[in-house]
Amino acid sequence: MFQANWTSVTMFFFLGFSHYPKGEIIIFVLCLLMYLTTLLGNMILISITILDSRLHTPMYFFLSNLSCLDIWYTSSAFPPMLINFVSGENTISFLGCAAQMYFSLAMGSTECVLLSMMAYDRYVAICNPLRYPTIINKRVCMAALSWGLGFLNSLTETILAVQLPFCGKNLINHFVCEILAFVKLACTDISLNEITIMLGNVIFLFVPLLLICISYIFILSIVLRINSAEGRQKAFSTCSAHIMVVTVFYGTILFMYMKPKSKDAAFDKLIALYYGVVTPILNPIIYSLRNTEVHVHEVRTNFQKQEKN
C-alpha cells in the first residue's frame, strides 16, 4: 500500500488563496515581512542569550529553545509557500509535503510541552526558591524531553498519514501541508488517523495547558501571601512574559479548534496563517519588552559602542 501511494500521487497542489488573486499579493508581502522579522527577532534573542553570561539562566535557556522552535517552524512552512506565491505553481512533492507536515507537527507539539516546562520553572523559582538550583539543573533533560515527545508524536501521526491511499486526489485545501487537510484526501477510512490526531491534541494541547494552569494557581497562592507590594510586583513580573506568550499561543489554537465551523474556508486559512506567522513574531517581542535583563544588555551594548566611537 505504501508503494502505491508513491506511484499514484507524486505531487500535491495547494488551493491556498487562489480564489482571491488580489489578496494573494497582500498576503505574500505581509508573510515575507513577518517571516524576515521572525528570523531576525528570534536570532537576536538567541544571540543575546548566548553572549551575555548573566542570561545563562534556566528561563533564558528555555527561551532560546522556544526561539529555535519558532525559527524552525516558520522555516519549514513559509519559504515554500512564498516561493509558490511568486511562481504561481502552488505545488509540492509527496516527499516535501511529508517533511513539511512532520516538522510543523513536531515543532507545534514540542512548543506545547516546552511552555509547560517554562511554567514549572517559574513555579519552582517562586514556590521553592531554595531548591531551585538543584531542580532546574536538569533543564537540559527537561528540554530534551520536550523535543523528544514532540518529534515522537509527529512521527506517529505522519507515518499513519503517508500510508493512506489517495487514488489520485492531490488538491490540498490549504496553503501548507496541514495534516487534517492531507488525510481528508484519502480514499479510505481515516478513523485511525482522526483518533490519533485527537489523542495527540489532548496530550500535547490540553495536558500541558492544565499543568500550566496548576503551576500558576500555586504561584498565585504564594504571591498573594507576600506582604510587600514591591515583592508581589517583582514576583508577577517574572511570570508576565510567559503568561502573555501562553495566552497568545493557546488562545489562537483553542479558537481554531473550538470556534463554530465556518462555511468560508478562507477565514480558517487566515486564522492558521495568524498562528503560523504572527505568534512566532510576538514571542521575542514580548520577552524583550517584559524582561529587564534584555534591556540591560541592549543598553550596555549601545554604551560600549558609543565608548568605542
Protein backbone atom coordinates (compact mmCIF):
# COMPACT_ATOMS: atom_id res chain seq x y z
CA MET A 1 0.00 0.00 0.00
CA PHE A 2 2.82 2.38 0.87
CA GLN A 3 4.48 1.92 -2.53
CA ALA A 4 1.18 2.52 -4.31
CA ASN A 5 0.95 5.96 -2.75
CA TRP A 6 4.28 6.95 -4.24
CA THR A 7 3.31 5.88 -7.75
CA SER A 8 -0.29 7.18 -7.76
CA VAL A 9 0.36 10.60 -6.15
CA THR A 10 3.76 12.21 -6.52
CA MET A 11 2.70 15.86 -6.43
CA PHE A 12 0.19 17.90 -4.43
CA PHE A 13 -1.46 21.18 -5.38
CA PHE A 14 -2.40 23.84 -2.83
CA LEU A 15 -5.69 25.62 -3.23
CA GLY A 16 -4.45 28.33 -0.89
CA PHE A 17 -5.98 31.75 -1.58
CA SER A 18 -6.24 31.19 -5.33
CA HIS A 19 -9.89 32.38 -5.28
CA TYR A 20 -8.62 35.78 -4.12
CA PRO A 21 -5.78 36.69 -6.55
CA LYS A 22 -5.55 40.31 -5.38
CA GLY A 23 -5.49 39.19 -1.78
CA GLU A 24 -2.61 36.81 -2.52
CA ILE A 25 -0.32 39.76 -3.30
CA ILE A 26 -1.10 41.41 0.03
CA ILE A 27 -0.69 38.12 1.89
CA PHE A 28 2.65 37.48 0.16
CA VAL A 29 4.07 40.88 1.17
CA LEU A 30 2.83 40.58 4.76
CA CYS A 31 4.08 36.99 5.12
CA LEU A 32 7.50 37.87 3.71
CA LEU A 33 7.92 40.82 6.09
CA MET A 34 6.69 38.81 9.06
CA TYR A 35 8.89 35.82 8.23
CA LEU A 36 12.00 38.02 8.00
CA THR A 37 11.02 39.75 11.25
CA THR A 38 10.56 36.37 12.93
CA LEU A 39 14.03 35.23 11.85
CA LEU A 40 15.66 38.50 12.91
CA GLY A 41 13.88 38.80 16.26
CA ASN A 42 14.45 35.22 17.36
CA MET A 43 18.06 35.15 16.16
CA ILE A 44 18.80 38.36 18.08
CA LEU A 45 17.25 36.90 21.22
CA ILE A 46 19.27 33.67 20.88
CA SER A 47 22.48 35.67 20.28
CA ILE A 48 21.89 37.88 23.33
CA THR A 49 21.21 34.84 25.49
CA ILE A 50 24.43 33.15 24.35
CA LEU A 51 26.70 36.20 24.52
CA ASP A 52 25.61 37.63 27.88
CA SER A 53 26.70 35.36 30.73
CA ARG A 54 24.11 36.95 33.05
CA LEU A 55 21.41 35.49 30.83
CA HIS A 56 22.71 31.93 31.28
CA THR A 57 19.72 31.08 33.45
CA PRO A 58 17.11 28.32 33.10
CA MET A 59 14.43 30.74 31.95
CA TYR A 60 16.55 32.07 29.10
CA PHE A 61 17.74 28.57 28.26
CA PHE A 62 14.11 27.57 27.69
CA LEU A 63 13.51 30.84 25.87
CA SER A 64 16.36 30.04 23.47
CA ASN A 65 14.76 26.69 22.77
CA LEU A 66 11.45 28.45 22.13
CA SER A 67 13.13 30.81 19.66
CA CYS A 68 14.75 27.86 17.85
CA LEU A 69 11.32 26.24 17.61
CA ASP A 70 9.80 29.38 16.13
CA ILE A 71 12.57 29.71 13.53
CA TRP A 72 12.35 26.04 12.57
CA TYR A 73 8.54 26.03 12.44
CA THR A 74 8.22 29.09 10.22
CA SER A 75 11.13 27.96 8.01
CA SER A 76 9.52 24.57 7.39
CA ALA A 77 6.28 26.04 6.10
CA PHE A 78 6.58 29.59 4.85
CA PRO A 79 9.55 29.73 2.43
CA PRO A 80 7.88 27.08 0.17
CA MET A 81 4.61 28.98 0.45
CA LEU A 82 6.29 32.27 -0.52
CA ILE A 83 8.01 30.58 -3.46
CA ASN A 84 4.65 29.23 -4.61
CA PHE A 85 3.16 32.71 -4.41
CA VAL A 86 5.91 34.05 -6.68
CA SER A 87 5.97 31.14 -9.15
CA GLY A 88 2.21 30.71 -9.21
CA GLU A 89 2.60 26.91 -9.30
CA ASN A 90 1.29 26.15 -5.77
CA THR A 91 2.75 22.63 -5.84
CA ILE A 92 4.79 20.43 -3.53
CA SER A 93 6.20 16.93 -3.95
CA PHE A 94 4.95 13.98 -1.91
CA LEU A 95 8.23 13.85 -0.01
CA GLY A 96 8.25 17.61 0.52
CA CYS A 97 4.69 17.51 1.82
CA ALA A 98 5.51 14.69 4.25
CA ALA A 99 8.62 16.54 5.50
CA GLN A 100 6.71 19.81 5.92
CA MET A 101 3.92 18.06 7.79
CA TYR A 102 6.39 16.21 10.02
CA PHE A 103 8.44 19.24 11.07
CA SER A 104 5.49 21.58 11.58
CA LEU A 105 3.76 18.97 13.77
CA ALA A 106 6.97 18.31 15.69
CA MET A 107 7.59 22.00 16.37
CA GLY A 108 4.00 22.63 17.45
CA SER A 109 3.93 19.62 19.79
CA THR A 110 7.33 20.48 21.25
CA GLU A 111 6.31 24.08 21.92
CA CYS A 112 3.28 22.94 23.93
CA VAL A 113 5.44 20.77 26.20
CA LEU A 114 8.17 23.42 26.41
CA LEU A 115 5.70 26.08 27.57
CA SER A 116 4.64 23.76 30.40
CA MET A 117 8.31 23.26 31.34
CA MET A 118 8.73 27.04 31.46
CA ALA A 119 5.70 27.27 33.76
CA TYR A 120 7.30 24.66 36.02
CA ASP A 121 10.49 26.74 36.01
CA ARG A 122 8.52 29.77 37.26
CA TYR A 123 6.73 27.60 39.85
CA VAL A 124 10.00 26.30 41.32
CA ALA A 125 11.61 29.75 41.25
CA ILE A 126 8.77 31.34 43.24
CA CYS A 127 7.39 28.49 45.36
CA ASN A 128 10.64 26.58 46.10
CA PRO A 129 13.45 29.12 45.63
CA LEU A 130 15.92 27.26 47.88
CA ARG A 131 15.58 24.10 45.80
CA TYR A 132 15.57 25.99 42.50
CA PRO A 133 19.28 25.48 41.62
CA THR A 134 19.07 21.74 42.33
CA ILE A 135 15.82 21.08 40.48
CA ILE A 136 16.45 23.26 37.45
CA ASN A 137 19.95 21.84 36.93
CA LYS A 138 18.03 19.19 35.00
CA ARG A 139 16.86 21.82 32.47
CA VAL A 140 18.76 20.12 29.62
CA CYS A 141 16.89 16.87 30.31
CA MET A 142 13.60 18.80 30.50
CA ALA A 143 14.23 20.47 27.15
CA ALA A 144 15.36 17.18 25.59
CA LEU A 145 12.17 15.53 26.85
CA SER A 146 10.09 18.29 25.23
CA TRP A 147 11.82 17.85 21.88
CA GLY A 148 11.71 14.04 22.08
CA LEU A 149 7.99 13.88 22.85
CA GLY A 150 7.19 16.40 20.13
CA PHE A 151 9.13 14.52 17.45
CA LEU A 152 7.70 11.17 18.56
CA ASN A 153 4.13 12.45 18.29
CA SER A 154 4.83 13.95 14.88
CA LEU A 155 6.50 10.76 13.65
CA THR A 156 3.48 8.67 14.65
CA GLU A 157 0.91 10.92 13.00
CA THR A 158 2.98 11.46 9.85
CA ILE A 159 3.68 7.76 9.28
CA LEU A 160 -0.01 6.94 9.61
CA ALA A 161 -0.89 9.78 7.21
CA VAL A 162 1.55 8.98 4.40
CA GLN A 163 0.49 5.32 4.29
CA LEU A 164 -3.06 6.25 3.27
CA PRO A 165 -4.14 5.55 -0.34
CA PHE A 166 -5.06 8.74 -2.21
CA CYS A 167 -6.42 7.36 -5.52
CA GLY A 168 -5.12 10.33 -7.47
CA LYS A 169 -6.61 13.04 -5.21
CA ASN A 170 -3.93 15.69 -4.80
CA LEU A 171 -5.64 19.07 -4.24
CA ILE A 172 -5.00 20.27 -0.67
CA ASN A 173 -7.44 22.93 0.51
CA HIS A 174 -4.77 24.82 2.42
CA PHE A 175 -1.59 26.81 1.80
CA VAL A 176 0.69 24.28 3.54
CA CYS A 177 0.62 20.51 4.17
CA GLU A 178 -1.67 20.59 7.19
CA ILE A 179 -2.35 17.07 8.44
CA LEU A 180 -6.16 17.26 8.58
CA ALA A 181 -6.36 18.67 5.06
CA PHE A 182 -3.88 15.97 3.98
CA VAL A 183 -5.72 12.93 5.39
CA LYS A 184 -9.07 14.15 4.02
CA LEU A 185 -7.72 13.39 0.53
CA ALA A 186 -7.53 9.67 1.33
CA CYS A 187 -9.95 7.35 -0.42
CA THR A 188 -10.28 5.03 2.57
CA ASP A 189 -11.45 5.08 6.18
CA ILE A 190 -9.38 7.61 8.19
CA SER A 191 -10.86 6.81 11.61
CA LEU A 192 -7.48 5.67 12.98
CA ASN A 193 -5.85 8.89 11.82
CA GLU A 194 -8.60 11.02 13.35
CA ILE A 195 -8.34 9.16 16.67
CA THR A 196 -4.55 9.54 16.68
CA ILE A 197 -4.79 13.25 15.90
CA MET A 198 -7.43 13.72 18.60
CA LEU A 199 -5.29 11.89 21.19
CA GLY A 200 -2.29 13.97 20.14
CA ASN A 201 -4.32 17.15 20.64
CA VAL A 202 -5.43 16.06 24.10
CA ILE A 203 -1.93 15.02 25.21
CA PHE A 204 0.01 17.89 23.67
CA LEU A 205 -2.52 20.72 23.91
CA PHE A 206 -4.78 20.23 26.90
CA VAL A 207 -2.48 18.32 29.28
CA PRO A 208 0.32 20.95 29.08
CA LEU A 209 -2.30 23.72 29.40
CA LEU A 210 -3.70 22.01 32.51
CA LEU A 211 -0.19 21.75 34.01
CA ILE A 212 0.45 25.42 33.23
CA CYS A 213 -2.80 26.42 34.96
CA ILE A 214 -1.96 24.29 38.02
CA SER A 215 1.53 25.84 38.22
CA TYR A 216 0.10 29.35 38.18
CA ILE A 217 -2.55 28.51 40.76
CA PHE A 218 0.25 27.54 43.17
CA ILE A 219 2.26 30.61 42.15
CA LEU A 220 -0.72 32.90 42.75
CA SER A 221 -1.37 31.38 46.17
CA ILE A 222 2.25 32.07 47.18
CA VAL A 223 2.39 35.57 45.70
CA LEU A 224 -0.80 36.66 47.49
CA ARG A 225 0.87 35.78 50.80
CA ILE A 226 3.71 38.23 50.16
CA ASN A 227 3.20 41.27 52.39
CA SER A 228 5.02 43.94 50.40
CA ALA A 229 3.55 45.33 47.20
CA GLU A 230 7.05 45.53 45.73
CA GLY A 231 7.61 41.81 46.36
CA ARG A 232 4.31 40.89 44.74
CA GLN A 233 5.06 43.09 41.74
CA LYS A 234 8.51 41.52 41.33
CA ALA A 235 7.04 38.01 41.50
CA PHE A 236 4.35 38.81 38.95
CA SER A 237 6.88 40.47 36.62
CA THR A 238 8.90 37.25 36.41
CA CYS A 239 5.82 35.45 35.10
CA SER A 240 4.14 38.12 32.98
CA ALA A 241 6.04 37.44 29.75
CA HIS A 242 5.38 33.70 29.92
CA ILE A 243 1.69 34.27 30.69
CA MET A 244 1.35 36.56 27.66
CA VAL A 245 3.07 34.04 25.36
CA VAL A 246 0.87 31.19 26.65
CA THR A 247 -2.26 33.33 26.21
CA VAL A 248 -1.41 34.22 22.61
CA PHE A 249 -0.31 30.68 21.71
CA TYR A 250 -3.16 28.74 23.32
CA GLY A 251 -5.73 31.44 22.62
CA THR A 252 -5.14 31.12 18.88
CA ILE A 253 -5.11 27.31 18.93
CA LEU A 254 -8.24 27.00 21.06
CA PHE A 255 -10.04 29.49 18.82
CA MET A 256 -9.06 27.43 15.76
CA TYR A 257 -10.36 24.17 17.24
CA MET A 258 -13.37 25.36 19.26
CA LYS A 259 -14.93 28.04 17.03
CA PRO A 260 -18.08 27.14 15.06
CA LYS A 261 -17.30 25.56 11.72
CA SER A 262 -17.03 28.29 9.09
CA LYS A 263 -18.50 27.94 5.63
CA ASP A 264 -15.75 30.20 4.34
CA ALA A 265 -12.54 28.15 4.18
CA ALA A 266 -10.54 31.35 3.56
CA PHE A 267 -11.31 32.53 7.11
CA ASP A 268 -9.96 29.29 8.59
CA LYS A 269 -6.81 29.68 6.48
CA LEU A 270 -6.32 33.25 7.73
CA ILE A 271 -6.56 32.04 11.34
CA ALA A 272 -3.98 29.32 10.58
CA LEU A 273 -1.81 31.97 8.92
CA TYR A 274 -2.02 34.15 12.02
CA TYR A 275 -0.98 31.20 14.21
CA GLY A 276 1.91 30.29 11.91
CA VAL A 277 3.33 33.76 11.28
CA VAL A 278 2.21 36.23 13.93
CA THR A 279 2.71 34.08 17.04
CA PRO A 280 6.44 33.40 16.38
CA ILE A 281 6.96 37.16 15.93
CA LEU A 282 5.29 38.02 19.22
CA ASN A 283 7.42 35.68 21.37
CA PRO A 284 10.73 37.62 21.13
CA ILE A 285 8.90 40.97 21.26
CA ILE A 286 7.01 40.03 24.44
CA TYR A 287 10.08 38.66 26.21
CA SER A 288 12.21 41.61 25.14
CA LEU A 289 9.66 44.15 26.37
CA ARG A 290 8.84 42.39 29.62
CA ASN A 291 12.33 41.36 30.79
CA THR A 292 14.74 43.89 32.20
CA GLU A 293 17.75 41.63 31.57
CA VAL A 294 17.37 42.04 27.81
CA HIS A 295 17.03 45.80 28.18
CA VAL A 296 20.15 45.92 30.34
CA HIS A 297 22.09 44.00 27.68
CA GLU A 298 20.86 46.35 24.94
CA VAL A 299 21.72 49.49 26.92
CA ARG A 300 25.17 48.13 27.82
CA THR A 301 25.86 47.19 24.18
CA ASN A 302 24.88 50.66 22.95
CA PHE A 303 27.02 52.30 25.65
CA GLN A 304 30.03 50.18 24.67
CA LYS A 305 29.58 51.17 21.03
CA GLN A 306 29.45 54.84 21.98
CA GLU A 307 32.63 54.50 24.02
CA LYS A 308 34.45 52.92 21.07
CA ASN A 309 33.31 55.73 18.76
